[in-house]
Each structure stands twice: as structure tokens, then as C-alpha cells.
């Protein structure tokens, strides 16, 4: 936990230091995927902040059930939250998918038993 706290990644709304199960970090690529939750009216849609290089993006994904043990992430949309026009969209999506693959269902490290097998369908 101390290692994650040292990154100093804060929740974009509350400002609290995020716990490791809410985010995935790839320091070498300067990429951080942060789960910021879902709205109670649209609980199947999940919001993520994705920090990549100098860009900050808000991604909206939809989680759908495939079976009792599998779920899928489906892309809804994204929008830049800062001046991030210099980042290639194709590269952004590729790195985002890699981060989401590592995040899985809930961001818990691989050594923890995952509640669902996750697929990325976009």
C-alpha cells in the first residue's frame, strides 16, 4: 500500500489519495487508469479518468454480463479534460485498452481472486 501512496495519484473529485484497487499505474509509459465510479441512475456505466502523458481524459464504459462468470467492457465515449490534442487517438485507445486489461473487473492485483473474467469488446 505504501508504494501506491507514494505515487500520489488523487481522486479527481474528492482529492483523496487513491487506494490500489481503484486504479492501475504504468509509470514507465506515464499512464494511469482511475476508476471514478458510476452514477446511480446508470449503474451499468462506469467512468474512468485516464491520464496518459500530458493528457487527461474521461472515459465512459458500459459493463455487460456475458455469463455468470464473465462480463465485458464496452466503449461508450471519451472526452479530453485538458488541452490534449497532441495525443494520437489510435495510440490513446491502444494504451487505454492495455490499462483496462490490467485493471480487469475491479482493479485488484492479479494475485487476488477475480470475481469475473473480463473481456474488452471494442
Foldseek 3Di string as FASTA:
>chain_A
DVVQVVVVDAQPPPRHRDDQQQWDDDVVQQWIKGWNADDPVQRQKTWIWIGGDPWTKIWIWGWADPDQAEIETEGDDMDTPDPDPVDDPVVVVVVVVVRCQCSAPGRDHPVDDDRHGYYYDD
